[in-house]
Amino acid sequence: ALIHDVNDQLSHADDLADFALNIMHDVKGSIKLVVNLIPFNDIGHATYRKPSMERVLAFQKRLVDRGVYTYIRKTRGDDESAACGQLATTMKKQRKDQNHGDLAP
């Protein structure tokens, strides 16, 4: 997953392109390598956030320009907080809040 300011910078795209191109070179054209870019689903964490679409598109463009087939996976469930990891995180937070609510001072 691409995470804002963690692994969504162009230098990271270059690293990924180098890795993918090395695999393609080693296998000598007998495989089709495709990279699926998956923007992180924001779960309300201060550090781990969804990258902007502009950054995702720039990341994709860098990979494509380097010769790596790349697709951006569409995120699903963002509106309902049901995307991968969001629902479980929300439920875990609710249980934690309920348990702490039982501990009145």
C-alpha atoms as a PDB file:
ATOM      1  CA  ALA A   1       0.000   0.000   0.000  1.00  0.00           C
ATOM      2  CA  LEU A   2       1.147   3.524  -0.745  1.00  0.00           C
ATOM      3  CA  ILE A   3       1.234   5.505   2.485  1.00  0.00           C
ATOM      4  CA  HIS A   4       1.523   9.310   2.582  1.00  0.00           C
ATOM      5  CA  ASP A   5       5.103  10.398   3.360  1.00  0.00           C
ATOM      6  CA  VAL A   6       6.137   6.801   4.136  1.00  0.00           C
ATOM      7  CA  ASN A   7       6.598   5.180   0.727  1.00  0.00           C
ATOM      8  CA  ASP A   8       4.826   7.376  -1.838  1.00  0.00           C
ATOM      9  CA  GLN A   9       7.714   9.546  -2.997  1.00  0.00           C
ATOM     10  CA  LEU A  10       9.304   9.409  -6.442  1.00  0.00           C
ATOM     11  CA  SER A  11      12.510   7.993  -4.981  1.00  0.00           C
ATOM     12  CA  HIS A  12      10.433   5.060  -3.724  1.00  0.00           C
ATOM     13  CA  ALA A  13       8.970   4.639  -7.211  1.00  0.00           C
ATOM     14  CA  ASP A  14      12.516   4.531  -8.598  1.00  0.00           C
ATOM     15  CA  ASP A  15      13.479   1.857  -6.045  1.00  0.00           C
ATOM     16  CA  LEU A  16      10.424  -0.208  -6.970  1.00  0.00           C
ATOM     17  CA  ALA A  17      11.143   0.229 -10.691  1.00  0.00           C
ATOM     18  CA  ASP A  18      14.739  -0.937 -10.190  1.00  0.00           C
ATOM     19  CA  PHE A  19      13.499  -4.000  -8.296  1.00  0.00           C
ATOM     20  CA  ALA A  20      10.846  -4.855 -10.913  1.00  0.00           C
ATOM     21  CA  LEU A  21      13.196  -4.297 -13.856  1.00  0.00           C
ATOM     22  CA  ASN A  22      15.828  -6.537 -12.264  1.00  0.00           C
ATOM     23  CA  ILE A  23      13.264  -9.334 -11.973  1.00  0.00           C
ATOM     24  CA  MET A  24      12.187  -8.857 -15.597  1.00  0.00           C
ATOM     25  CA  HIS A  25      15.816  -8.878 -16.727  1.00  0.00           C
ATOM     26  CA  ASP A  26      16.688 -12.001 -14.705  1.00  0.00           C
ATOM     27  CA  VAL A  27      13.699 -13.915 -16.053  1.00  0.00           C
ATOM     28  CA  LYS A  28      14.496 -12.634 -19.561  1.00  0.00           C
ATOM     29  CA  GLY A  29      11.036 -11.745 -20.795  1.00  0.00           C
ATOM     30  CA  SER A  30       9.232 -14.961 -19.937  1.00  0.00           C
ATOM     31  CA  ILE A  31       6.940 -13.204 -17.458  1.00  0.00           C
ATOM     32  CA  LYS A  32       4.703 -10.177 -17.515  1.00  0.00           C
ATOM     33  CA  LEU A  33       5.295  -8.194 -14.368  1.00  0.00           C
ATOM     34  CA  VAL A  34       2.539  -5.815 -13.289  1.00  0.00           C
ATOM     35  CA  VAL A  35       2.571  -3.581 -10.231  1.00  0.00           C
ATOM     36  CA  ASN A  36      -0.756  -2.847  -8.553  1.00  0.00           C
ATOM     37  CA  LEU A  37      -0.605   0.400  -6.606  1.00  0.00           C
ATOM     38  CA  ILE A  38      -2.993   0.385  -3.670  1.00  0.00           C
ATOM     39  CA  PRO A  39      -3.489   3.701  -1.866  1.00  0.00           C
ATOM     40  CA  PHE A  40      -3.602   3.160   1.896  1.00  0.00           C
ATOM     41  CA  ASN A  41      -7.085   3.352   3.394  1.00  0.00           C
ATOM     42  CA  ASP A  42      -7.053   6.093   5.986  1.00  0.00           C
ATOM     43  CA  ILE A  43      -7.947   4.714   9.432  1.00  0.00           C
ATOM     44  CA  GLY A  44      -7.552   7.949  11.343  1.00  0.00           C
ATOM     45  CA  HIS A  45      -3.940   7.358  12.420  1.00  0.00           C
ATOM     46  CA  ALA A  46      -1.792  10.487  12.639  1.00  0.00           C
ATOM     47  CA  THR A  47       1.232   8.924  10.919  1.00  0.00           C
ATOM     48  CA  TYR A  48      -0.294   6.510   8.420  1.00  0.00           C
ATOM     49  CA  ARG A  49      -2.510   8.367   5.957  1.00  0.00           C
ATOM     50  CA  LYS A  50      -3.801   7.956   2.448  1.00  0.00           C
ATOM     51  CA  PRO A  51      -1.638   9.687  -0.179  1.00  0.00           C
ATOM     52  CA  SER A  52      -3.167  12.312  -2.441  1.00  0.00           C
ATOM     53  CA  MET A  53      -4.316  11.132  -5.863  1.00  0.00           C
ATOM     54  CA  GLU A  54      -1.761  13.508  -7.379  1.00  0.00           C
ATOM     55  CA  ARG A  55       1.016  11.635  -5.585  1.00  0.00           C
ATOM     56  CA  VAL A  56      -0.373   8.258  -6.590  1.00  0.00           C
ATOM     57  CA  LEU A  57      -0.574   9.356 -10.238  1.00  0.00           C
ATOM     58  CA  ALA A  58       2.976  10.763 -10.137  1.00  0.00           C
ATOM     59  CA  PHE A  59       4.190   7.463  -8.625  1.00  0.00           C
ATOM     60  CA  GLN A  60       2.424   5.528 -11.378  1.00  0.00           C
ATOM     61  CA  LYS A  61       3.810   7.810 -14.089  1.00  0.00           C
ATOM     62  CA  ARG A  62       7.362   7.312 -12.823  1.00  0.00           C
ATOM     63  CA  LEU A  63       6.967   3.530 -12.943  1.00  0.00           C
ATOM     64  CA  VAL A  64       5.390   3.585 -16.415  1.00  0.00           C
ATOM     65  CA  ASP A  65       8.096   5.946 -17.703  1.00  0.00           C
ATOM     66  CA  ARG A  66      10.669   3.448 -16.451  1.00  0.00           C
ATOM     67  CA  GLY A  67       8.959   0.586 -18.322  1.00  0.00           C
ATOM     68  CA  VAL A  68       6.937  -1.057 -15.547  1.00  0.00           C
ATOM     69  CA  TYR A  69       3.279  -1.896 -16.223  1.00  0.00           C
ATOM     70  CA  THR A  70       1.297  -0.320 -13.424  1.00  0.00           C
ATOM     71  CA  TYR A  71      -2.338  -0.118 -12.362  1.00  0.00           C
ATOM     72  CA  ILE A  72      -3.932   1.840  -9.556  1.00  0.00           C
ATOM     73  CA  ARG A  73      -6.325  -0.316  -7.588  1.00  0.00           C
ATOM     74  CA  LYS A  74      -9.592   1.373  -6.830  1.00  0.00           C
ATOM     75  CA  THR A  75     -10.303   1.553  -3.130  1.00  0.00           C
ATOM     76  CA  ARG A  76     -13.712   0.358  -2.034  1.00  0.00           C
ATOM     77  CA  GLY A  77     -15.717   1.083   1.066  1.00  0.00           C
ATOM     78  CA  ASP A  78     -14.066   4.394   1.932  1.00  0.00           C
ATOM     79  CA  ASP A  79     -17.419   6.129   2.384  1.00  0.00           C
ATOM     80  CA  GLU A  80     -18.662   3.532   4.856  1.00  0.00           C
ATOM     81  CA  SER A  81     -15.295   2.997   6.593  1.00  0.00           C
ATOM     82  CA  ALA A  82     -15.537  -0.565   5.377  1.00  0.00           C
ATOM     83  CA  ALA A  83     -12.369  -0.667   3.291  1.00  0.00           C
ATOM     84  CA  CYS A  84      -9.747  -3.237   4.197  1.00  0.00           C
ATOM     85  CA  GLY A  85      -8.649  -2.637   7.762  1.00  0.00           C
ATOM     86  CA  GLN A  86     -10.973   0.280   8.452  1.00  0.00           C
ATOM     87  CA  LEU A  87     -13.935  -1.702   9.729  1.00  0.00           C
ATOM     88  CA  ALA A  88     -11.786  -3.884  11.981  1.00  0.00           C
ATOM     89  CA  THR A  89      -9.955  -0.833  13.340  1.00  0.00           C
ATOM     90  CA  THR A  90     -13.223   0.983  14.022  1.00  0.00           C
ATOM     91  CA  MET A  91     -14.674  -2.025  15.836  1.00  0.00           C
ATOM     92  CA  LYS A  92     -11.503  -2.479  17.892  1.00  0.00           C
ATOM     93  CA  LYS A  93     -11.610   1.200  18.925  1.00  0.00           C
ATOM     94  CA  GLN A  94     -15.276   0.874  19.896  1.00  0.00           C
ATOM     95  CA  ARG A  95     -14.564  -2.190  22.069  1.00  0.00           C
ATOM     96  CA  LYS A  96     -11.637  -0.421  23.715  1.00  0.00           C
ATOM     97  CA  ASP A  97     -13.783   2.660  24.420  1.00  0.00           C
ATOM     98  CA  GLN A  98     -16.543   0.466  25.863  1.00  0.00           C
ATOM     99  CA  ASN A  99     -14.104  -1.369  28.133  1.00  0.00           C
ATOM    100  CA  HIS A 100     -12.609   1.871  29.408  1.00  0.00           C
ATOM    101  CA  GLY A 101     -16.105   3.245  29.972  1.00  0.00           C
ATOM    102  CA  ASP A 102     -16.704   0.447  32.493  1.00  0.00           C
ATOM    103  CA  LEU A 103     -13.788   1.664  34.592  1.00  0.00           C
ATOM    104  CA  ALA A 104     -15.370   4.670  36.270  1.00  0.00           C
ATOM    105  CA  PRO A 105     -13.096   6.542  38.692  1.00  0.00           C
END
